Amino acid sequence: MFRKLALLISFLGFSQMSFAQSEIKAVQIYSQDELLRLINRNEHLSRVVLDDCQLVQDIEARAQVLKIPAYRFLWGDMLAWGVCVEAEPDRGVAFMEDAAMQGLAPAMEQLGRYYAAGRLVQKDVERGIIYLREAGSLGNLKAQIQLAELFIEGHGSPYDYEDTYHWLYNAVTGDEEQHQQIANCMSGLEELMHPKIVRRARRPLDS
């Protein structure tokens, strides 16, 4: 009797395991819009890990074969930090730079941040400002904030203050912390700008 009970328990356990395995579904590759949302929230690497690294080959193909900018950036970031692949920082940065050259603002913003801080690459604040300025001109709010902070610290050119203030003056965000960052940056820039330039910078975004 005990032997039959043990067999029954064993069978039930196997059946449950088989059922659970049959319920596992392959993770679908991210759409372009979904990937951009993940990148803008800085959740792209954690999402790849949460998906159990199932999409590595798909991501690599879209980056290397199809040359999709968002995927070139994602693949580059994965290589740079060794996420689901062996770390190759030099190749990773090269992929991110290529995505930036293709016009992907988040790639420009991240590279600008890396060069300004000397992370992965040799510190070059002026080069970082070039990337951040390009990303800022495309509406990347994180780049605009970082650009203002660098200017307030004494980097960059006064010729760029007006554009940066103009972008931040017209920025819209529902994040209270980010909203305060913008206010602090505008206040800091005002101290560096002539009042006439400040008034001129407070114009509608499309004017």
N, C-alpha and C. Protein backbone atom coordinates (compact mmCIF):
# COMPACT_ATOMS: atom_id res chain seq x y z
N MET A 1 0.83 -1.21 0.00
CA MET A 1 0.00 0.00 0.00
C MET A 1 0.87 1.26 0.00
N PHE A 2 1.89 1.22 0.91
CA PHE A 2 2.79 2.37 0.98
C PHE A 2 3.54 2.57 -0.32
N ARG A 3 3.87 1.42 -0.97
CA ARG A 3 4.59 1.51 -2.25
C ARG A 3 3.72 2.17 -3.31
N LYS A 4 2.45 1.80 -3.35
CA LYS A 4 1.51 2.39 -4.31
C LYS A 4 1.34 3.89 -4.04
N LEU A 5 1.28 4.26 -2.75
CA LEU A 5 1.12 5.66 -2.38
C LEU A 5 2.34 6.47 -2.83
N ALA A 6 3.53 5.88 -2.64
CA ALA A 6 4.76 6.56 -3.05
C ALA A 6 4.80 6.76 -4.55
N LEU A 7 4.37 5.75 -5.30
CA LEU A 7 4.33 5.85 -6.75
C LEU A 7 3.35 6.92 -7.20
N LEU A 8 2.19 6.96 -6.49
CA LEU A 8 1.18 7.95 -6.83
C LEU A 8 1.71 9.36 -6.60
N ILE A 9 2.38 9.58 -5.46
CA ILE A 9 2.95 10.89 -5.14
C ILE A 9 4.00 11.27 -6.17
N SER A 10 4.82 10.27 -6.54
CA SER A 10 5.87 10.50 -7.54
C SER A 10 5.25 10.89 -8.88
N PHE A 11 4.19 10.18 -9.27
CA PHE A 11 3.52 10.46 -10.53
C PHE A 11 2.91 11.86 -10.55
N LEU A 12 2.27 12.21 -9.40
CA LEU A 12 1.64 13.52 -9.32
C LEU A 12 2.69 14.64 -9.40
N GLY A 13 3.83 14.40 -8.73
CA GLY A 13 4.90 15.39 -8.79
C GLY A 13 5.44 15.55 -10.18
N PHE A 14 5.61 14.45 -10.90
CA PHE A 14 6.11 14.50 -12.28
C PHE A 14 5.11 15.20 -13.19
N SER A 15 3.80 14.91 -12.96
CA SER A 15 2.76 15.52 -13.79
C SER A 15 2.75 17.03 -13.59
N GLN A 16 2.87 17.46 -12.32
CA GLN A 16 2.87 18.89 -12.05
C GLN A 16 4.07 19.57 -12.69
N MET A 17 5.23 18.90 -12.62
CA MET A 17 6.45 19.46 -13.22
C MET A 17 6.29 19.55 -14.72
N SER A 18 5.73 18.51 -15.34
CA SER A 18 5.53 18.52 -16.79
C SER A 18 4.58 19.62 -17.20
N PHE A 19 3.51 19.79 -16.39
CA PHE A 19 2.54 20.83 -16.69
C PHE A 19 3.18 22.21 -16.60
N ALA A 20 4.00 22.40 -15.54
CA ALA A 20 4.67 23.69 -15.36
C ALA A 20 5.60 23.97 -16.53
N GLN A 21 6.32 22.92 -16.98
CA GLN A 21 7.23 23.11 -18.11
C GLN A 21 6.48 23.45 -19.38
N SER A 22 5.30 22.84 -19.54
CA SER A 22 4.51 23.10 -20.75
C SER A 22 3.95 24.52 -20.74
N GLU A 23 3.86 25.11 -19.52
CA GLU A 23 3.33 26.46 -19.41
C GLU A 23 4.37 27.53 -19.70
N ILE A 24 5.66 27.14 -19.70
CA ILE A 24 6.72 28.11 -19.99
C ILE A 24 6.63 28.53 -21.45
N LYS A 25 6.57 29.83 -21.67
CA LYS A 25 6.46 30.34 -23.03
C LYS A 25 7.71 31.12 -23.39
N ALA A 26 8.07 31.05 -24.63
CA ALA A 26 9.23 31.80 -25.10
C ALA A 26 8.94 33.29 -24.99
N VAL A 27 9.92 34.06 -24.54
CA VAL A 27 9.77 35.50 -24.42
C VAL A 27 9.80 36.12 -25.81
N GLN A 28 8.86 37.02 -26.08
CA GLN A 28 8.80 37.68 -27.37
C GLN A 28 9.78 38.85 -27.41
N ILE A 29 10.38 39.05 -28.56
CA ILE A 29 11.31 40.16 -28.73
C ILE A 29 10.57 41.48 -28.57
N TYR A 30 11.24 42.49 -28.05
CA TYR A 30 10.62 43.77 -27.76
C TYR A 30 10.37 44.54 -29.07
N SER A 31 9.26 45.23 -29.10
CA SER A 31 9.01 46.12 -30.24
C SER A 31 9.93 47.33 -30.10
N GLN A 32 10.08 48.07 -31.17
CA GLN A 32 10.93 49.26 -31.14
C GLN A 32 10.45 50.25 -30.08
N ASP A 33 9.14 50.50 -30.03
CA ASP A 33 8.59 51.45 -29.06
C ASP A 33 8.80 50.97 -27.63
N GLU A 34 8.58 49.67 -27.41
CA GLU A 34 8.76 49.12 -26.07
C GLU A 34 10.21 49.25 -25.62
N LEU A 35 11.13 48.93 -26.52
CA LEU A 35 12.54 49.01 -26.18
C LEU A 35 12.95 50.46 -25.87
N LEU A 36 12.45 51.40 -26.65
CA LEU A 36 12.78 52.81 -26.39
C LEU A 36 12.24 53.26 -25.04
N ARG A 37 11.05 52.78 -24.67
CA ARG A 37 10.49 53.12 -23.35
C ARG A 37 11.39 52.55 -22.25
N LEU A 38 11.85 51.32 -22.43
CA LEU A 38 12.73 50.70 -21.44
C LEU A 38 14.04 51.47 -21.32
N ILE A 39 14.58 51.87 -22.46
CA ILE A 39 15.84 52.63 -22.46
C ILE A 39 15.65 53.97 -21.77
N ASN A 40 14.57 54.67 -22.07
CA ASN A 40 14.32 55.98 -21.46
C ASN A 40 14.13 55.89 -19.96
N ARG A 41 13.64 54.73 -19.48
CA ARG A 41 13.48 54.52 -18.04
C ARG A 41 14.70 53.84 -17.43
N ASN A 42 15.72 53.59 -18.26
CA ASN A 42 16.94 52.90 -17.83
C ASN A 42 16.62 51.51 -17.26
N GLU A 43 15.68 50.83 -17.91
CA GLU A 43 15.28 49.49 -17.46
C GLU A 43 15.63 48.42 -18.49
N HIS A 44 16.36 48.79 -19.54
CA HIS A 44 16.61 47.85 -20.64
C HIS A 44 17.49 46.68 -20.22
N LEU A 45 18.52 46.91 -19.44
CA LEU A 45 19.39 45.81 -19.03
C LEU A 45 18.71 44.89 -18.01
N SER A 46 18.00 45.49 -17.06
CA SER A 46 17.31 44.67 -16.06
C SER A 46 16.22 43.83 -16.71
N ARG A 47 15.59 44.37 -17.78
CA ARG A 47 14.55 43.61 -18.47
C ARG A 47 15.14 42.38 -19.16
N VAL A 48 16.31 42.53 -19.77
CA VAL A 48 16.98 41.40 -20.42
C VAL A 48 17.27 40.31 -19.40
N VAL A 49 17.72 40.71 -18.22
CA VAL A 49 18.01 39.75 -17.16
C VAL A 49 16.73 39.09 -16.66
N LEU A 50 15.67 39.88 -16.46
CA LEU A 50 14.39 39.35 -16.00
C LEU A 50 13.81 38.33 -16.99
N ASP A 51 14.14 38.51 -18.27
CA ASP A 51 13.68 37.57 -19.29
C ASP A 51 14.61 36.37 -19.42
N ASP A 52 15.41 36.15 -18.37
CA ASP A 52 16.31 34.98 -18.29
C ASP A 52 17.27 34.90 -19.47
N CYS A 53 17.64 36.02 -20.01
CA CYS A 53 18.64 36.08 -21.10
C CYS A 53 18.22 35.26 -22.32
N GLN A 54 16.92 35.06 -22.50
CA GLN A 54 16.44 34.25 -23.62
C GLN A 54 16.59 34.95 -24.97
N LEU A 55 16.72 36.27 -24.97
CA LEU A 55 16.66 37.02 -26.22
C LEU A 55 18.03 37.45 -26.75
N VAL A 56 19.09 36.92 -26.18
CA VAL A 56 20.43 37.37 -26.56
C VAL A 56 20.67 37.26 -28.06
N GLN A 57 20.35 36.11 -28.65
CA GLN A 57 20.59 35.92 -30.08
C GLN A 57 19.73 36.86 -30.93
N ASP A 58 18.48 37.05 -30.52
CA ASP A 58 17.58 37.95 -31.25
C ASP A 58 18.10 39.39 -31.19
N ILE A 59 18.54 39.80 -29.99
CA ILE A 59 19.05 41.15 -29.81
C ILE A 59 20.31 41.36 -30.66
N GLU A 60 21.20 40.37 -30.62
CA GLU A 60 22.44 40.47 -31.40
C GLU A 60 22.14 40.58 -32.89
N ALA A 61 21.18 39.77 -33.38
CA ALA A 61 20.84 39.81 -34.80
C ALA A 61 20.28 41.16 -35.21
N ARG A 62 19.41 41.73 -34.38
CA ARG A 62 18.84 43.03 -34.71
C ARG A 62 19.88 44.15 -34.63
N ALA A 63 20.89 43.94 -33.79
CA ALA A 63 21.95 44.93 -33.67
C ALA A 63 22.97 44.82 -34.80
N GLN A 64 23.41 43.60 -35.07
CA GLN A 64 24.52 43.41 -36.00
C GLN A 64 24.09 43.24 -37.45
N VAL A 65 22.96 42.59 -37.66
CA VAL A 65 22.51 42.32 -39.03
C VAL A 65 21.56 43.41 -39.51
N LEU A 66 20.51 43.67 -38.73
CA LEU A 66 19.52 44.68 -39.13
C LEU A 66 19.97 46.10 -38.81
N LYS A 67 20.93 46.23 -37.89
CA LYS A 67 21.50 47.53 -37.52
C LYS A 67 20.44 48.53 -37.03
N ILE A 68 19.47 48.04 -36.26
CA ILE A 68 18.44 48.91 -35.68
C ILE A 68 19.06 49.71 -34.54
N PRO A 69 18.99 51.05 -34.57
CA PRO A 69 19.69 51.87 -33.58
C PRO A 69 19.43 51.48 -32.12
N ALA A 70 18.16 51.30 -31.74
CA ALA A 70 17.85 50.98 -30.35
C ALA A 70 18.47 49.65 -29.94
N TYR A 71 18.49 48.70 -30.87
CA TYR A 71 19.09 47.39 -30.57
C TYR A 71 20.61 47.45 -30.58
N ARG A 72 21.20 48.33 -31.40
CA ARG A 72 22.65 48.51 -31.36
C ARG A 72 23.06 49.10 -30.00
N PHE A 73 22.24 50.00 -29.50
CA PHE A 73 22.51 50.58 -28.19
C PHE A 73 22.37 49.51 -27.09
N LEU A 74 21.28 48.74 -27.13
CA LEU A 74 21.05 47.70 -26.14
C LEU A 74 22.18 46.68 -26.16
N TRP A 75 22.54 46.22 -27.34
CA TRP A 75 23.61 45.23 -27.48
C TRP A 75 24.92 45.81 -26.96
N GLY A 76 25.18 47.06 -27.28
CA GLY A 76 26.39 47.71 -26.80
C GLY A 76 26.43 47.79 -25.29
N ASP A 77 25.32 48.14 -24.67
CA ASP A 77 25.26 48.24 -23.22
C ASP A 77 25.44 46.87 -22.57
N MET A 78 24.87 45.84 -23.19
CA MET A 78 25.04 44.47 -22.68
C MET A 78 26.51 44.06 -22.73
N LEU A 79 27.17 44.36 -23.85
CA LEU A 79 28.59 44.02 -23.99
C LEU A 79 29.44 44.83 -23.02
N ALA A 80 29.11 46.09 -22.86
CA ALA A 80 29.90 46.97 -22.00
C ALA A 80 29.94 46.49 -20.56
N TRP A 81 28.79 45.98 -20.09
CA TRP A 81 28.69 45.61 -18.68
C TRP A 81 28.60 44.10 -18.46
N GLY A 82 28.69 43.32 -19.52
CA GLY A 82 28.66 41.87 -19.36
C GLY A 82 27.31 41.34 -18.91
N VAL A 83 26.24 41.90 -19.45
CA VAL A 83 24.89 41.46 -19.10
C VAL A 83 24.45 40.35 -20.06
N CYS A 84 24.36 39.14 -19.57
CA CYS A 84 23.96 37.95 -20.34
C CYS A 84 25.00 37.55 -21.40
N VAL A 85 26.10 38.26 -21.49
CA VAL A 85 27.18 37.94 -22.42
C VAL A 85 28.50 38.25 -21.72
N GLU A 86 29.59 37.78 -22.31
CA GLU A 86 30.90 38.10 -21.76
C GLU A 86 31.18 39.59 -21.99
N ALA A 87 31.69 40.24 -20.95
CA ALA A 87 31.94 41.67 -21.03
C ALA A 87 33.03 42.01 -22.05
N GLU A 88 32.71 42.95 -22.95
CA GLU A 88 33.67 43.47 -23.92
C GLU A 88 33.43 44.98 -24.01
N PRO A 89 33.94 45.74 -23.04
CA PRO A 89 33.65 47.17 -22.98
C PRO A 89 33.98 47.94 -24.25
N ASP A 90 35.10 47.59 -24.90
CA ASP A 90 35.49 48.34 -26.11
C ASP A 90 34.47 48.16 -27.23
N ARG A 91 34.02 46.92 -27.44
CA ARG A 91 32.99 46.67 -28.46
C ARG A 91 31.67 47.30 -28.05
N GLY A 92 31.37 47.25 -26.76
CA GLY A 92 30.12 47.82 -26.27
C GLY A 92 30.03 49.31 -26.54
N VAL A 93 31.09 50.03 -26.21
CA VAL A 93 31.10 51.47 -26.44
C VAL A 93 31.02 51.77 -27.93
N ALA A 94 31.67 50.95 -28.76
CA ALA A 94 31.63 51.15 -30.21
C ALA A 94 30.20 51.02 -30.74
N PHE A 95 29.45 50.04 -30.22
CA PHE A 95 28.05 49.88 -30.64
C PHE A 95 27.21 51.07 -30.18
N MET A 96 27.45 51.55 -28.96
CA MET A 96 26.70 52.69 -28.46
C MET A 96 27.01 53.94 -29.28
N GLU A 97 28.28 54.12 -29.65
CA GLU A 97 28.66 55.27 -30.47
C GLU A 97 28.01 55.19 -31.85
N ASP A 98 27.90 53.98 -32.38
CA ASP A 98 27.25 53.82 -33.68
C ASP A 98 25.77 54.18 -33.59
N ALA A 99 25.12 53.75 -32.49
CA ALA A 99 23.70 54.10 -32.29
C ALA A 99 23.54 55.61 -32.18
N ALA A 100 24.49 56.27 -31.52
CA ALA A 100 24.46 57.73 -31.41
C ALA A 100 24.62 58.38 -32.78
N MET A 101 25.52 57.84 -33.60
CA MET A 101 25.72 58.37 -34.94
C MET A 101 24.48 58.19 -35.81
N GLN A 102 23.65 57.18 -35.48
CA GLN A 102 22.40 56.96 -36.20
C GLN A 102 21.29 57.88 -35.70
N GLY A 103 21.60 58.70 -34.70
CA GLY A 103 20.63 59.69 -34.22
C GLY A 103 19.81 59.28 -33.02
N LEU A 104 20.22 58.21 -32.30
CA LEU A 104 19.46 57.76 -31.14
C LEU A 104 19.82 58.61 -29.93
N ALA A 105 18.89 59.46 -29.49
CA ALA A 105 19.16 60.41 -28.40
C ALA A 105 19.59 59.73 -27.09
N PRO A 106 18.93 58.63 -26.66
CA PRO A 106 19.38 58.00 -25.41
C PRO A 106 20.83 57.51 -25.47
N ALA A 107 21.28 57.09 -26.65
CA ALA A 107 22.69 56.69 -26.79
C ALA A 107 23.60 57.90 -26.63
N MET A 108 23.21 59.03 -27.23
CA MET A 108 24.00 60.26 -27.07
C MET A 108 24.05 60.67 -25.60
N GLU A 109 22.90 60.59 -24.94
CA GLU A 109 22.83 61.00 -23.53
C GLU A 109 23.73 60.12 -22.67
N GLN A 110 23.69 58.81 -22.88
CA GLN A 110 24.50 57.91 -22.05
C GLN A 110 25.99 58.11 -22.32
N LEU A 111 26.37 58.26 -23.59
CA LEU A 111 27.77 58.49 -23.91
C LEU A 111 28.25 59.82 -23.33
N GLY A 112 27.38 60.84 -23.41
CA GLY A 112 27.74 62.13 -22.82
C GLY A 112 28.00 62.01 -21.34
N ARG A 113 27.15 61.23 -20.68
CA ARG A 113 27.32 61.02 -19.23
C ARG A 113 28.61 60.24 -18.94
N TYR A 114 28.89 59.24 -19.76
CA TYR A 114 30.10 58.44 -19.56
C TYR A 114 31.37 59.27 -19.75
N TYR A 115 31.40 60.08 -20.82
CA TYR A 115 32.59 60.90 -21.06
C TYR A 115 32.75 61.98 -20.00
N ALA A 116 31.65 62.56 -19.56
CA ALA A 116 31.72 63.60 -18.54
C ALA A 116 32.23 63.06 -17.20
N ALA A 117 31.88 61.80 -16.91
CA ALA A 117 32.27 61.20 -15.63
C ALA A 117 33.53 60.34 -15.73
N GLY A 118 33.95 60.01 -16.97
CA GLY A 118 35.09 59.11 -17.14
C GLY A 118 34.72 57.69 -16.81
N ARG A 119 33.52 57.29 -17.17
CA ARG A 119 33.04 55.92 -16.90
C ARG A 119 33.19 55.08 -18.17
N LEU A 120 33.90 53.99 -18.09
CA LEU A 120 34.23 53.11 -19.21
C LEU A 120 35.26 53.74 -20.16
N VAL A 121 35.15 55.04 -20.36
CA VAL A 121 36.03 55.76 -21.28
C VAL A 121 36.87 56.77 -20.48
N GLN A 122 37.90 57.31 -21.13
CA GLN A 122 38.69 58.34 -20.48
C GLN A 122 37.86 59.62 -20.33
N LYS A 123 38.00 60.26 -19.20
CA LYS A 123 37.19 61.45 -18.92
C LYS A 123 37.50 62.56 -19.92
N ASP A 124 36.45 63.08 -20.55
CA ASP A 124 36.57 64.16 -21.52
C ASP A 124 35.26 64.95 -21.46
N VAL A 125 35.22 65.92 -20.56
CA VAL A 125 33.98 66.66 -20.31
C VAL A 125 33.48 67.37 -21.56
N GLU A 126 34.40 67.96 -22.32
CA GLU A 126 33.97 68.70 -23.50
C GLU A 126 33.35 67.75 -24.54
N ARG A 127 33.92 66.57 -24.68
CA ARG A 127 33.32 65.59 -25.59
C ARG A 127 31.96 65.15 -25.08
N GLY A 128 31.86 65.00 -23.76
CA GLY A 128 30.57 64.65 -23.17
C GLY A 128 29.52 65.71 -23.44
N ILE A 129 29.92 66.97 -23.37
CA ILE A 129 28.99 68.08 -23.62
C ILE A 129 28.48 68.04 -25.06
N ILE A 130 29.34 67.67 -26.00
CA ILE A 130 28.92 67.58 -27.41
C ILE A 130 27.80 66.56 -27.55
N TYR A 131 27.98 65.38 -26.93
CA TYR A 131 26.93 64.35 -27.00
C TYR A 131 25.66 64.81 -26.30
N LEU A 132 25.81 65.41 -25.12
CA LEU A 132 24.64 65.85 -24.36
C LEU A 132 23.88 66.96 -25.08
N ARG A 133 24.62 67.87 -25.72
CA ARG A 133 23.98 68.96 -26.45
C ARG A 133 23.15 68.43 -27.61
N GLU A 134 23.70 67.43 -28.31
CA GLU A 134 22.96 66.84 -29.43
C GLU A 134 21.72 66.12 -28.93
N ALA A 135 21.85 65.38 -27.84
CA ALA A 135 20.69 64.69 -27.27
C ALA A 135 19.66 65.69 -26.77
N GLY A 136 20.14 66.75 -26.14
CA GLY A 136 19.23 67.79 -25.64
C GLY A 136 18.45 68.45 -26.75
N SER A 137 19.10 68.68 -27.89
CA SER A 137 18.43 69.33 -29.02
C SER A 137 17.33 68.44 -29.59
N LEU A 138 17.42 67.13 -29.31
CA LEU A 138 16.40 66.18 -29.77
C LEU A 138 15.32 65.96 -28.71
N GLY A 139 15.38 66.74 -27.64
CA GLY A 139 14.34 66.68 -26.62
C GLY A 139 14.60 65.72 -25.48
N ASN A 140 15.82 65.20 -25.35
CA ASN A 140 16.12 64.28 -24.26
C ASN A 140 16.30 65.08 -22.97
N LEU A 141 15.33 64.96 -22.07
CA LEU A 141 15.32 65.79 -20.86
C LEU A 141 16.49 65.48 -19.93
N LYS A 142 16.85 64.19 -19.81
CA LYS A 142 17.98 63.84 -18.94
C LYS A 142 19.26 64.51 -19.42
N ALA A 143 19.44 64.57 -20.73
CA ALA A 143 20.63 65.21 -21.30
C ALA A 143 20.58 66.72 -21.02
N GLN A 144 19.42 67.32 -21.14
CA GLN A 144 19.29 68.76 -20.90
C GLN A 144 19.65 69.10 -19.46
N ILE A 145 19.19 68.30 -18.53
CA ILE A 145 19.50 68.53 -17.11
C ILE A 145 20.99 68.37 -16.84
N GLN A 146 21.58 67.30 -17.37
CA GLN A 146 23.01 67.07 -17.16
C GLN A 146 23.85 68.18 -17.79
N LEU A 147 23.41 68.65 -18.94
CA LEU A 147 24.11 69.73 -19.63
C LEU A 147 24.11 70.99 -18.76
N ALA A 148 22.95 71.33 -18.21
CA ALA A 148 22.84 72.51 -17.33
C ALA A 148 23.74 72.35 -16.11
N GLU A 149 23.76 71.17 -15.53
CA GLU A 149 24.59 70.94 -14.34
C GLU A 149 26.07 71.12 -14.65
N LEU A 150 26.50 70.67 -15.82
CA LEU A 150 27.90 70.85 -16.22
C LEU A 150 28.22 72.32 -16.44
N PHE A 151 27.29 73.06 -17.04
CA PHE A 151 27.50 74.49 -17.24
C PHE A 151 27.63 75.22 -15.90
N ILE A 152 26.77 74.85 -14.97
CA ILE A 152 26.78 75.49 -13.65
C ILE A 152 28.10 75.18 -12.92
N GLU A 153 28.67 74.01 -13.20
CA GLU A 153 29.95 73.64 -12.59
C GLU A 153 31.13 74.36 -13.24
N GLY A 154 30.87 75.08 -14.34
CA GLY A 154 31.93 75.85 -14.96
C GLY A 154 32.45 75.30 -16.28
N HIS A 155 31.81 74.25 -16.79
CA HIS A 155 32.23 73.66 -18.06
C HIS A 155 31.44 74.27 -19.22
N GLY A 156 31.91 74.03 -20.44
CA GLY A 156 31.16 74.43 -21.61
C GLY A 156 31.28 75.91 -21.95
N SER A 157 30.45 76.31 -22.90
CA SER A 157 30.49 77.69 -23.41
C SER A 157 29.23 78.46 -23.04
N PRO A 158 29.39 79.75 -22.68
CA PRO A 158 28.21 80.58 -22.38
C PRO A 158 27.25 80.69 -23.56
N TYR A 159 27.74 80.45 -24.77
CA TYR A 159 26.87 80.51 -25.95
C TYR A 159 25.78 79.43 -25.91
N ASP A 160 26.02 78.38 -25.12
CA ASP A 160 25.05 77.29 -25.04
C ASP A 160 24.04 77.46 -23.91
N TYR A 161 24.24 78.44 -23.05
CA TYR A 161 23.34 78.60 -21.90
C TYR A 161 21.91 78.88 -22.33
N GLU A 162 21.75 79.74 -23.32
CA GLU A 162 20.40 80.15 -23.71
C GLU A 162 19.57 78.96 -24.21
N ASP A 163 20.16 78.15 -25.09
CA ASP A 163 19.42 76.99 -25.62
C ASP A 163 19.03 76.04 -24.49
N THR A 164 19.98 75.76 -23.59
CA THR A 164 19.71 74.83 -22.50
C THR A 164 18.62 75.36 -21.57
N TYR A 165 18.69 76.64 -21.25
CA TYR A 165 17.65 77.26 -20.42
C TYR A 165 16.31 77.20 -21.14
N HIS A 166 16.31 77.48 -22.43
CA HIS A 166 15.09 77.46 -23.24
C HIS A 166 14.43 76.08 -23.22
N TRP A 167 15.25 75.02 -23.36
CA TRP A 167 14.71 73.66 -23.33
C TRP A 167 14.09 73.35 -21.96
N LEU A 168 14.81 73.70 -20.90
CA LEU A 168 14.33 73.39 -19.56
C LEU A 168 13.10 74.22 -19.20
N TYR A 169 13.05 75.45 -19.66
CA TYR A 169 11.89 76.32 -19.41
C TYR A 169 10.61 75.71 -19.99
N ASN A 170 10.77 75.00 -21.10
CA ASN A 170 9.61 74.39 -21.76
C ASN A 170 9.43 72.91 -21.44
N ALA A 171 10.25 72.38 -20.54
CA ALA A 171 10.18 70.95 -20.21
C ALA A 171 8.90 70.62 -19.44
N VAL A 172 8.38 69.43 -19.69
CA VAL A 172 7.19 68.94 -19.00
C VAL A 172 7.52 67.59 -18.38
N THR A 173 7.26 67.44 -17.08
CA THR A 173 7.51 66.17 -16.42
C THR A 173 6.54 65.99 -15.26
N GLY A 174 6.13 64.75 -15.04
CA GLY A 174 5.26 64.44 -13.90
C GLY A 174 6.06 63.94 -12.71
N ASP A 175 7.38 63.89 -12.84
CA ASP A 175 8.25 63.42 -11.77
C ASP A 175 8.65 64.61 -10.90
N GLU A 176 8.23 64.61 -9.64
CA GLU A 176 8.47 65.75 -8.76
C GLU A 176 9.96 66.00 -8.54
N GLU A 177 10.73 64.92 -8.38
CA GLU A 177 12.17 65.08 -8.17
C GLU A 177 12.83 65.71 -9.39
N GLN A 178 12.43 65.23 -10.57
CA GLN A 178 12.98 65.77 -11.81
C GLN A 178 12.54 67.23 -11.99
N HIS A 179 11.31 67.51 -11.61
CA HIS A 179 10.79 68.88 -11.69
C HIS A 179 11.65 69.83 -10.85
N GLN A 180 12.04 69.37 -9.67
CA GLN A 180 12.88 70.18 -8.80
C GLN A 180 14.28 70.34 -9.38
N GLN A 181 14.79 69.27 -10.01
CA GLN A 181 16.09 69.36 -10.68
C GLN A 181 16.07 70.45 -11.75
N ILE A 182 15.00 70.47 -12.52
CA ILE A 182 14.87 71.47 -13.59
C ILE A 182 14.87 72.88 -12.99
N ALA A 183 14.10 73.06 -11.91
CA ALA A 183 14.02 74.38 -11.27
C ALA A 183 15.40 74.80 -10.76
N ASN A 184 16.13 73.87 -10.17
CA ASN A 184 17.47 74.18 -9.65
C ASN A 184 18.43 74.54 -10.79
N CYS A 185 18.32 73.82 -11.89
CA CYS A 185 19.19 74.09 -13.04
C CYS A 185 18.89 75.45 -13.64
N MET A 186 17.62 75.78 -13.77
CA MET A 186 17.25 77.08 -14.32
C MET A 186 17.75 78.20 -13.43
N SER A 187 17.62 78.02 -12.11
CA SER A 187 18.08 79.03 -11.17
C SER A 187 19.59 79.22 -11.28
N GLY A 188 20.31 78.10 -11.41
CA GLY A 188 21.76 78.17 -11.53
C GLY A 188 22.20 78.84 -12.82
N LEU A 189 21.50 78.54 -13.91
CA LEU A 189 21.83 79.16 -15.19
C LEU A 189 21.54 80.66 -15.18
N GLU A 190 20.46 81.06 -14.52
CA GLU A 190 20.10 82.48 -14.45
C GLU A 190 21.22 83.32 -13.85
N GLU A 191 21.95 82.72 -12.91
CA GLU A 191 23.06 83.44 -12.28
C GLU A 191 24.22 83.66 -13.25
N LEU A 192 24.26 82.86 -14.31
CA LEU A 192 25.35 82.96 -15.29
C LEU A 192 24.95 83.76 -16.53
N MET A 193 23.66 84.08 -16.65
CA MET A 193 23.15 84.70 -17.87
C MET A 193 22.73 86.17 -17.62
N HIS A 194 22.84 86.96 -18.65
CA HIS A 194 22.34 88.34 -18.60
C HIS A 194 20.80 88.28 -18.55
N PRO A 195 20.16 89.13 -17.76
CA PRO A 195 18.69 89.12 -17.67
C PRO A 195 17.99 89.19 -19.04
N LYS A 196 18.57 89.93 -19.97
CA LYS A 196 17.98 90.03 -21.30
C LYS A 196 17.99 88.68 -22.01
N ILE A 197 19.05 87.90 -21.83
CA ILE A 197 19.15 86.57 -22.44
C ILE A 197 18.15 85.62 -21.78
N VAL A 198 17.99 85.76 -20.47
CA VAL A 198 17.02 84.93 -19.76
C VAL A 198 15.62 85.18 -20.30
N ARG A 199 15.26 86.47 -20.46
CA ARG A 199 13.93 86.80 -20.99
C ARG A 199 13.75 86.24 -22.39
N ARG A 200 14.79 86.30 -23.19
CA ARG A 200 14.69 85.78 -24.56
C ARG A 200 14.55 84.26 -24.56
N ALA A 201 15.18 83.60 -23.59
CA ALA A 201 15.13 82.14 -23.51
C ALA A 201 13.76 81.64 -23.06
N ARG A 202 12.98 82.54 -22.43
CA ARG A 202 11.64 82.15 -21.94
C ARG A 202 10.59 82.34 -23.02
N ARG A 203 10.85 81.74 -24.13
CA ARG A 203 9.92 81.79 -25.27
C ARG A 203 9.35 80.40 -25.51
N PRO A 204 8.21 80.29 -26.20
CA PRO A 204 7.65 78.97 -26.49
C PRO A 204 8.65 78.11 -27.24
N LEU A 205 8.53 76.81 -27.08
CA LEU A 205 9.51 75.87 -27.62
C LEU A 205 9.65 75.97 -29.12
N ASP A 206 8.58 76.16 -29.84
CA ASP A 206 8.64 76.15 -31.31
C ASP A 206 8.82 77.53 -31.92
N SER A 207 9.10 78.53 -31.09
CA SER A 207 9.21 79.89 -31.63
C SER A 207 10.67 80.19 -32.03
